[in-house]
Amino acid sequence: MKPKRLLWTFGSLFLLITLVGSLPQFGPAVRADGIAARPWRTQGLQPWGQKNVAVDFGARGLWSYDGHWIQLSRLDPRHMAGWGAGQLAIDFGVHGLWTYNGRVWTRISL
């Protein structure tokens, strides 16, 4: 008998985040020096493109999830919006308004 495979969709991911309130922690809960690590709390989610979710982890930066985690920026975004064909618009406050197309960041305003 074959084991059943669990299929995760973005709807499942959003439901999980909504129910749990945060994504699972990355790495150990306590650092090597014995100090408790900061939890990875979501401050915002934005679907963009066909299968991407941008996740704002506050001071830990902006990450993208498409089945794998990729850090897009170390900056903490104030606002995010998906638009066009796979574009992500990010307001980084004093660092300006930027767009990201999955490969290239473009600054569009201060």
Protein backbone atom coordinates (compact mmCIF):
# COMPACT_ATOMS: atom_id res chain seq x y z
CA MET A 1 0.00 0.00 0.00
CA LYS A 2 1.44 3.37 -1.04
CA PRO A 3 1.60 6.15 1.52
CA LYS A 4 -0.69 9.08 0.75
CA ARG A 5 0.96 12.30 -0.36
CA LEU A 6 -0.15 15.56 1.18
CA LEU A 7 -0.76 18.26 -1.41
CA TRP A 8 -0.31 21.81 -0.12
CA THR A 9 -1.91 24.66 -1.99
CA PHE A 10 -1.62 28.37 -1.28
CA GLY A 11 -5.12 28.23 0.16
CA SER A 12 -3.90 25.59 2.60
CA LEU A 13 -0.89 27.74 3.50
CA PHE A 14 -3.11 30.80 4.16
CA LEU A 15 -5.46 28.68 6.27
CA LEU A 16 -2.56 27.26 8.27
CA ILE A 17 -1.10 30.72 8.90
CA THR A 18 -4.51 32.09 9.87
CA LEU A 19 -5.17 29.25 12.31
CA VAL A 20 -1.69 29.15 13.84
CA GLY A 21 -0.96 32.89 13.72
CA SER A 22 2.61 32.48 12.53
CA LEU A 23 4.73 30.28 10.34
CA PRO A 24 6.92 27.59 11.87
CA GLN A 25 10.17 28.76 13.40
CA PHE A 26 13.34 28.46 11.38
CA GLY A 27 16.28 27.01 13.28
CA PRO A 28 16.59 26.37 17.00
CA ALA A 29 14.42 28.16 19.56
CA VAL A 30 17.51 28.84 21.66
CA ARG A 31 20.76 30.12 20.18
CA ALA A 32 24.11 28.49 20.93
CA ASP A 33 24.87 31.15 23.58
CA GLY A 34 21.70 30.17 25.49
CA ILE A 35 19.70 33.30 24.65
CA ALA A 36 16.21 32.64 23.37
CA ALA A 37 15.91 33.41 19.64
CA ARG A 38 13.27 35.86 18.41
CA PRO A 39 10.23 34.06 16.99
CA TRP A 40 9.40 34.34 13.30
CA ARG A 41 6.10 36.22 13.39
CA THR A 42 4.29 37.20 10.22
CA GLN A 43 3.42 40.87 9.85
CA GLY A 44 1.95 40.58 6.37
CA LEU A 45 1.18 38.23 3.50
CA GLN A 46 0.78 39.06 -0.17
CA PRO A 47 0.10 36.57 -2.98
CA TRP A 48 1.82 37.52 -6.23
CA GLY A 49 2.45 35.82 -9.54
CA GLN A 50 0.96 32.41 -10.19
CA LYS A 51 2.33 30.55 -7.19
CA ASN A 52 4.22 32.94 -4.91
CA VAL A 53 3.45 34.35 -1.50
CA ALA A 54 5.46 37.29 -0.13
CA VAL A 55 5.75 37.11 3.66
CA ASP A 56 6.79 40.05 5.83
CA PHE A 57 8.65 38.80 8.91
CA GLY A 58 9.24 42.30 10.30
CA ALA A 59 12.87 42.87 11.32
CA ARG A 60 13.78 39.48 9.80
CA GLY A 61 12.97 40.82 6.35
CA LEU A 62 10.82 40.00 3.35
CA TRP A 63 10.64 36.39 2.16
CA SER A 64 8.97 34.62 -0.76
CA TYR A 65 7.45 31.15 -0.66
CA ASP A 66 6.72 29.05 -3.74
CA GLY A 67 7.38 25.66 -2.18
CA HIS A 68 10.79 26.89 -1.04
CA TRP A 69 11.77 29.90 1.08
CA ILE A 70 13.86 32.69 -0.47
CA GLN A 71 14.80 35.91 1.30
CA LEU A 72 13.97 38.82 -0.98
CA SER A 73 15.17 41.63 1.30
CA ARG A 74 16.54 42.21 4.78
CA LEU A 75 14.44 45.37 5.04
CA ASP A 76 11.09 45.44 6.86
CA PRO A 77 8.35 46.44 4.37
CA ARG A 78 5.59 48.81 5.45
CA HIS A 79 3.15 47.79 2.71
CA MET A 80 3.00 45.17 -0.07
CA ALA A 81 0.80 44.71 -3.15
CA GLY A 82 0.76 42.21 -5.98
CA TRP A 83 -0.05 43.68 -9.39
CA GLY A 84 0.27 43.01 -13.10
CA ALA A 85 1.69 39.75 -14.37
CA GLY A 86 3.80 38.56 -11.46
CA GLN A 87 4.85 41.94 -10.09
CA LEU A 88 5.25 42.76 -6.42
CA ALA A 89 5.21 46.38 -5.19
CA ILE A 90 6.88 47.01 -1.82
CA ASP A 91 6.95 50.18 0.28
CA PHE A 92 10.15 50.14 2.35
CA GLY A 93 9.39 53.48 4.02
CA VAL A 94 12.46 55.76 4.01
CA HIS A 95 14.17 53.34 1.59
CA GLY A 96 11.56 54.01 -1.10
CA LEU A 97 8.92 52.24 -3.14
CA TRP A 98 10.19 49.27 -5.15
CA THR A 99 8.87 46.68 -7.59
CA TYR A 100 10.10 43.11 -7.91
CA ASN A 101 9.39 40.81 -10.85
CA GLY A 102 10.91 37.61 -9.49
CA ARG A 103 14.43 38.50 -10.67
CA VAL A 104 15.03 42.25 -10.59
CA TRP A 105 14.32 45.01 -8.03
CA THR A 106 13.44 48.42 -9.50
CA ARG A 107 13.16 51.57 -7.40
CA ILE A 108 10.20 53.64 -8.53
CA SER A 109 10.03 56.33 -5.82
CA LEU A 110 11.80 57.71 -2.76
